[in-house]
Amino acid sequence: MRQPLLALLAKEPAHGYELKQALEAIFGSAYPSPNIGQIYVTLGRLEKDGYVRSVDVEQSNRPNKKVYYITAAGREALESWVDEPTEGPRVRDEFFMKLVLAPMTGLADRMALVNRQRRHYLSLMRDLRELAERTDPGNRVALLLIEGAMLHLQADLDWLERCQEDLP
């Protein structure tokens, strides 16, 4: 949550609710709506770390609001985040650990584990297809996020087939 908030603040100063609205507008229903409490807690930590500063703005008919600004340190942290590659393929996969170790203990049958995981992935794929159908066709960001998740799931389904074929 830290980096997306810094990115939005690098564009323009905002208060917490505006940041929540911006995230929802950009990512649509493809990304879980952030909790406003989480946003304000994160902003507080960013301020404590020196990445943002806040200014109280008076409002005539409402309580004052805090507007947040990115600092030079915040911009530097954001630039570092943008420049760093993100994690690649996961080698330590929890399901694979179950698939290999559970049958050794007699707790589970390998085929039952593969079938249960396949059903789970297919259910997630159905949910993503439905989400894509409900998503505004003009929101390319949300649609690309959904498509990426679907492609990852398809790769996981293909990998399950490979596990089923290659493991005794």
C-alpha atoms as a PDB file:
ATOM      1  CA  MET A   1       0.000   0.000   0.000  1.00  0.00           C
ATOM      2  CA  ARG A   2       2.940   2.340   0.665  1.00  0.00           C
ATOM      3  CA  GLN A   3       4.200   2.629  -2.910  1.00  0.00           C
ATOM      4  CA  PRO A   4       0.805   3.118  -4.570  1.00  0.00           C
ATOM      5  CA  LEU A   5       0.035   5.938  -2.133  1.00  0.00           C
ATOM      6  CA  LEU A   6       3.423   7.528  -2.783  1.00  0.00           C
ATOM      7  CA  ALA A   7       2.815   7.246  -6.532  1.00  0.00           C
ATOM      8  CA  LEU A   8      -0.536   9.017  -6.264  1.00  0.00           C
ATOM      9  CA  LEU A   9       0.965  11.718  -4.051  1.00  0.00           C
ATOM     10  CA  ALA A  10       3.811  12.206  -6.552  1.00  0.00           C
ATOM     11  CA  LYS A  11       1.110  13.187  -9.029  1.00  0.00           C
ATOM     12  CA  GLU A  12      -0.621  15.612  -6.656  1.00  0.00           C
ATOM     13  CA  PRO A  13      -1.260  16.243  -2.953  1.00  0.00           C
ATOM     14  CA  ALA A  14      -4.402  14.593  -1.576  1.00  0.00           C
ATOM     15  CA  HIS A  15      -6.198  13.551   1.570  1.00  0.00           C
ATOM     16  CA  GLY A  16      -6.866   9.921   2.460  1.00  0.00           C
ATOM     17  CA  TYR A  17     -10.362   9.658   1.019  1.00  0.00           C
ATOM     18  CA  GLU A  18      -9.187  11.146  -2.305  1.00  0.00           C
ATOM     19  CA  LEU A  19      -6.418   8.542  -2.426  1.00  0.00           C
ATOM     20  CA  LYS A  20      -8.937   5.755  -1.834  1.00  0.00           C
ATOM     21  CA  GLN A  21     -11.160   7.126  -4.613  1.00  0.00           C
ATOM     22  CA  ALA A  22      -8.201   7.407  -6.990  1.00  0.00           C
ATOM     23  CA  LEU A  23      -7.174   3.782  -6.400  1.00  0.00           C
ATOM     24  CA  GLU A  24     -10.752   2.645  -6.979  1.00  0.00           C
ATOM     25  CA  ALA A  25     -11.048   4.724 -10.156  1.00  0.00           C
ATOM     26  CA  ILE A  26      -7.757   3.468 -11.579  1.00  0.00           C
ATOM     27  CA  PHE A  27      -8.070  -0.237 -10.760  1.00  0.00           C
ATOM     28  CA  GLY A  28     -11.854  -0.610 -10.627  1.00  0.00           C
ATOM     29  CA  SER A  29     -13.269  -3.805  -9.221  1.00  0.00           C
ATOM     30  CA  ALA A  30     -10.216  -5.764 -10.406  1.00  0.00           C
ATOM     31  CA  TYR A  31      -8.305  -4.789  -7.285  1.00  0.00           C
ATOM     32  CA  PRO A  32      -9.758  -5.077  -3.786  1.00  0.00           C
ATOM     33  CA  SER A  33     -10.983  -1.714  -2.579  1.00  0.00           C
ATOM     34  CA  PRO A  34      -8.597  -0.435   0.065  1.00  0.00           C
ATOM     35  CA  ASN A  35      -9.916   0.089   3.559  1.00  0.00           C
ATOM     36  CA  ILE A  36      -9.888   3.798   4.470  1.00  0.00           C
ATOM     37  CA  GLY A  37      -8.463   2.900   7.889  1.00  0.00           C
ATOM     38  CA  GLN A  38      -5.574   1.081   6.216  1.00  0.00           C
ATOM     39  CA  ILE A  39      -4.909   4.116   4.044  1.00  0.00           C
ATOM     40  CA  TYR A  40      -4.741   6.467   7.020  1.00  0.00           C
ATOM     41  CA  VAL A  41      -2.552   4.077   9.033  1.00  0.00           C
ATOM     42  CA  THR A  42      -0.187   3.784   6.061  1.00  0.00           C
ATOM     43  CA  LEU A  43      -0.130   7.564   5.596  1.00  0.00           C
ATOM     44  CA  GLY A  44       0.741   7.938   9.286  1.00  0.00           C
ATOM     45  CA  ARG A  45       3.643   5.517   8.905  1.00  0.00           C
ATOM     46  CA  LEU A  46       4.821   7.242   5.731  1.00  0.00           C
ATOM     47  CA  GLU A  47       4.756  10.557   7.576  1.00  0.00           C
ATOM     48  CA  LYS A  48       6.640   9.077  10.546  1.00  0.00           C
ATOM     49  CA  ASP A  49       9.259   7.726   8.111  1.00  0.00           C
ATOM     50  CA  GLY A  50       9.604  11.147   6.466  1.00  0.00           C
ATOM     51  CA  TYR A  51       8.178  10.110   3.077  1.00  0.00           C
ATOM     52  CA  VAL A  52       5.143  12.398   3.274  1.00  0.00           C
ATOM     53  CA  ARG A  53       4.161  15.465   5.227  1.00  0.00           C
ATOM     54  CA  SER A  54       0.674  16.643   6.044  1.00  0.00           C
ATOM     55  CA  VAL A  55      -0.992  20.001   6.318  1.00  0.00           C
ATOM     56  CA  ASP A  56      -4.297  20.591   8.105  1.00  0.00           C
ATOM     57  CA  VAL A  57      -6.751  22.342   5.811  1.00  0.00           C
ATOM     58  CA  GLU A  58      -9.698  24.155   7.348  1.00  0.00           C
ATOM     59  CA  GLN A  59     -13.143  23.543   5.928  1.00  0.00           C
ATOM     60  CA  SER A  60     -16.070  25.799   6.661  1.00  0.00           C
ATOM     61  CA  ASN A  61     -18.848  23.267   7.195  1.00  0.00           C
ATOM     62  CA  ARG A  62     -16.783  20.184   7.968  1.00  0.00           C
ATOM     63  CA  PRO A  63     -13.979  19.087  10.248  1.00  0.00           C
ATOM     64  CA  ASN A  64     -10.475  19.984   9.113  1.00  0.00           C
ATOM     65  CA  LYS A  65      -8.833  17.541   6.738  1.00  0.00           C
ATOM     66  CA  LYS A  66      -5.201  16.518   6.384  1.00  0.00           C
ATOM     67  CA  VAL A  67      -3.712  16.925   2.945  1.00  0.00           C
ATOM     68  CA  TYR A  68      -0.614  14.840   2.297  1.00  0.00           C
ATOM     69  CA  TYR A  69       2.387  15.837   0.172  1.00  0.00           C
ATOM     70  CA  ILE A  70       5.242  13.604  -0.934  1.00  0.00           C
ATOM     71  CA  THR A  71       8.674  14.654   0.371  1.00  0.00           C
ATOM     72  CA  ALA A  72      12.026  14.377  -1.391  1.00  0.00           C
ATOM     73  CA  ALA A  73      12.708  11.211   0.621  1.00  0.00           C
ATOM     74  CA  GLY A  74       9.327   9.853  -0.444  1.00  0.00           C
ATOM     75  CA  ARG A  75      10.050  10.593  -4.097  1.00  0.00           C
ATOM     76  CA  GLU A  76      13.430   8.870  -3.753  1.00  0.00           C
ATOM     77  CA  ALA A  77      11.786   5.782  -2.195  1.00  0.00           C
ATOM     78  CA  LEU A  78       9.203   5.771  -4.984  1.00  0.00           C
ATOM     79  CA  GLU A  79      11.896   6.020  -7.661  1.00  0.00           C
ATOM     80  CA  SER A  80      13.763   3.102  -6.054  1.00  0.00           C
ATOM     81  CA  TRP A  81      10.567   1.026  -6.062  1.00  0.00           C
ATOM     82  CA  VAL A  82       9.928   1.827  -9.729  1.00  0.00           C
ATOM     83  CA  ASP A  83      13.524   1.000 -10.685  1.00  0.00           C
ATOM     84  CA  GLU A  84      13.642  -2.370  -8.871  1.00  0.00           C
ATOM     85  CA  PRO A  85      12.403  -5.452 -10.699  1.00  0.00           C
ATOM     86  CA  THR A  86       9.532  -7.246  -8.980  1.00  0.00           C
ATOM     87  CA  GLU A  87       9.751 -10.804  -7.756  1.00  0.00           C
ATOM     88  CA  GLY A  88       9.896 -13.429 -10.449  1.00  0.00           C
ATOM     89  CA  PRO A  89       8.657 -16.998 -10.390  1.00  0.00           C
ATOM     90  CA  ARG A  90       8.178 -18.512  -6.990  1.00  0.00           C
ATOM     91  CA  VAL A  91      10.359 -21.511  -6.288  1.00  0.00           C
ATOM     92  CA  ARG A  92       9.021 -22.081  -2.790  1.00  0.00           C
ATOM     93  CA  ASP A  93       5.432 -22.977  -3.561  1.00  0.00           C
ATOM     94  CA  GLU A  94       3.239 -24.022  -0.637  1.00  0.00           C
ATOM     95  CA  PHE A  95       1.001 -26.266  -2.731  1.00  0.00           C
ATOM     96  CA  PHE A  96       4.006 -28.095  -4.165  1.00  0.00           C
ATOM     97  CA  MET A  97       5.280 -28.706  -0.627  1.00  0.00           C
ATOM     98  CA  LYS A  98       1.897 -30.246   0.251  1.00  0.00           C
ATOM     99  CA  LEU A  99       1.879 -32.258  -2.954  1.00  0.00           C
ATOM    100  CA  VAL A 100       5.270 -33.815  -2.218  1.00  0.00           C
ATOM    101  CA  LEU A 101       5.169 -34.127   1.572  1.00  0.00           C
ATOM    102  CA  ALA A 102       1.542 -34.953   2.466  1.00  0.00           C
ATOM    103  CA  PRO A 103       1.484 -38.304   0.616  1.00  0.00           C
ATOM    104  CA  MET A 104       4.732 -39.258   2.386  1.00  0.00           C
ATOM    105  CA  THR A 105       2.951 -38.878   5.742  1.00  0.00           C
ATOM    106  CA  GLY A 106      -0.143 -40.753   4.637  1.00  0.00           C
ATOM    107  CA  LEU A 107      -2.281 -37.667   5.279  1.00  0.00           C
ATOM    108  CA  ALA A 108      -3.396 -37.201   1.699  1.00  0.00           C
ATOM    109  CA  ASP A 109      -3.493 -38.822  -1.694  1.00  0.00           C
ATOM    110  CA  ARG A 110      -1.515 -36.920  -4.330  1.00  0.00           C
ATOM    111  CA  MET A 111      -4.319 -37.191  -6.923  1.00  0.00           C
ATOM    112  CA  ALA A 112      -6.872 -35.865  -4.428  1.00  0.00           C
ATOM    113  CA  LEU A 113      -4.634 -32.885  -3.710  1.00  0.00           C
ATOM    114  CA  VAL A 114      -4.193 -32.137  -7.437  1.00  0.00           C
ATOM    115  CA  ASN A 115      -7.926 -32.423  -8.091  1.00  0.00           C
ATOM    116  CA  ARG A 116      -8.827 -30.191  -5.133  1.00  0.00           C
ATOM    117  CA  GLN A 117      -6.326 -27.559  -6.252  1.00  0.00           C
ATOM    118  CA  ARG A 118      -7.566 -27.765  -9.848  1.00  0.00           C
ATOM    119  CA  ARG A 119     -11.172 -27.193  -8.709  1.00  0.00           C
ATOM    120  CA  HIS A 120     -10.003 -24.225  -6.673  1.00  0.00           C
ATOM    121  CA  TYR A 121      -8.138 -22.691  -9.639  1.00  0.00           C
ATOM    122  CA  LEU A 122     -11.115 -23.273 -11.963  1.00  0.00           C
ATOM    123  CA  SER A 123     -13.409 -21.579  -9.456  1.00  0.00           C
ATOM    124  CA  LEU A 124     -11.044 -18.602  -9.282  1.00  0.00           C
ATOM    125  CA  MET A 125     -10.930 -18.496 -13.079  1.00  0.00           C
ATOM    126  CA  ARG A 126     -14.760 -18.427 -13.232  1.00  0.00           C
ATOM    127  CA  ASP A 127     -14.807 -15.592 -10.705  1.00  0.00           C
ATOM    128  CA  LEU A 128     -12.281 -13.626 -12.766  1.00  0.00           C
ATOM    129  CA  ARG A 129     -14.283 -14.131 -15.975  1.00  0.00           C
ATOM    130  CA  GLU A 130     -17.400 -12.832 -14.222  1.00  0.00           C
ATOM    131  CA  LEU A 131     -15.418  -9.898 -12.862  1.00  0.00           C
ATOM    132  CA  ALA A 132     -14.145  -9.095 -16.364  1.00  0.00           C
ATOM    133  CA  GLU A 133     -17.717  -9.147 -17.704  1.00  0.00           C
ATOM    134  CA  ARG A 134     -18.830  -6.679 -15.005  1.00  0.00           C
ATOM    135  CA  THR A 135     -15.841  -4.382 -15.511  1.00  0.00           C
ATOM    136  CA  ASP A 136     -16.231  -1.191 -17.509  1.00  0.00           C
ATOM    137  CA  PRO A 137     -14.757  -1.922 -20.969  1.00  0.00           C
ATOM    138  CA  GLY A 138     -13.107   1.507 -20.900  1.00  0.00           C
ATOM    139  CA  ASN A 139     -11.069   0.645 -17.807  1.00  0.00           C
ATOM    140  CA  ARG A 140      -8.084  -0.952 -19.547  1.00  0.00           C
ATOM    141  CA  VAL A 141      -6.056  -1.002 -16.325  1.00  0.00           C
ATOM    142  CA  ALA A 142      -8.622  -3.170 -14.533  1.00  0.00           C
ATOM    143  CA  LEU A 143      -9.066  -5.449 -17.546  1.00  0.00           C
ATOM    144  CA  LEU A 144      -5.311  -5.943 -17.904  1.00  0.00           C
ATOM    145  CA  LEU A 145      -5.019  -6.761 -14.204  1.00  0.00           C
ATOM    146  CA  ILE A 146      -7.789  -9.361 -14.537  1.00  0.00           C
ATOM    147  CA  GLU A 147      -6.235 -10.791 -17.693  1.00  0.00           C
ATOM    148  CA  GLY A 148      -2.849 -11.098 -15.974  1.00  0.00           C
ATOM    149  CA  ALA A 149      -4.430 -12.976 -13.073  1.00  0.00           C
ATOM    150  CA  MET A 150      -6.209 -15.292 -15.520  1.00  0.00           C
ATOM    151  CA  LEU A 151      -2.988 -16.000 -17.401  1.00  0.00           C
ATOM    152  CA  HIS A 152      -1.214 -16.826 -14.134  1.00  0.00           C
ATOM    153  CA  LEU A 153      -4.051 -19.160 -13.193  1.00  0.00           C
ATOM    154  CA  GLN A 154      -3.890 -20.858 -16.586  1.00  0.00           C
ATOM    155  CA  ALA A 155      -0.159 -21.385 -16.111  1.00  0.00           C
ATOM    156  CA  ASP A 156      -0.867 -22.874 -12.662  1.00  0.00           C
ATOM    157  CA  LEU A 157      -3.459 -25.208 -14.190  1.00  0.00           C
ATOM    158  CA  ASP A 158      -0.956 -26.315 -16.843  1.00  0.00           C
ATOM    159  CA  TRP A 159       1.647 -26.875 -14.132  1.00  0.00           C
ATOM    160  CA  LEU A 160      -0.828 -29.022 -12.157  1.00  0.00           C
ATOM    161  CA  GLU A 161      -1.210 -31.246 -15.221  1.00  0.00           C
ATOM    162  CA  ARG A 162       2.557 -31.566 -15.411  1.00  0.00           C
ATOM    163  CA  CYS A 163       2.771 -32.470 -11.712  1.00  0.00           C
ATOM    164  CA  GLN A 164       0.063 -35.076 -12.177  1.00  0.00           C
ATOM    165  CA  GLU A 165       1.952 -36.622 -15.095  1.00  0.00           C
ATOM    166  CA  ASP A 166       5.462 -36.519 -13.613  1.00  0.00           C
ATOM    167  CA  LEU A 167       5.052 -37.316  -9.917  1.00  0.00           C
ATOM    168  CA  PRO A 168       4.552 -40.935  -8.876  1.00  0.00           C
END
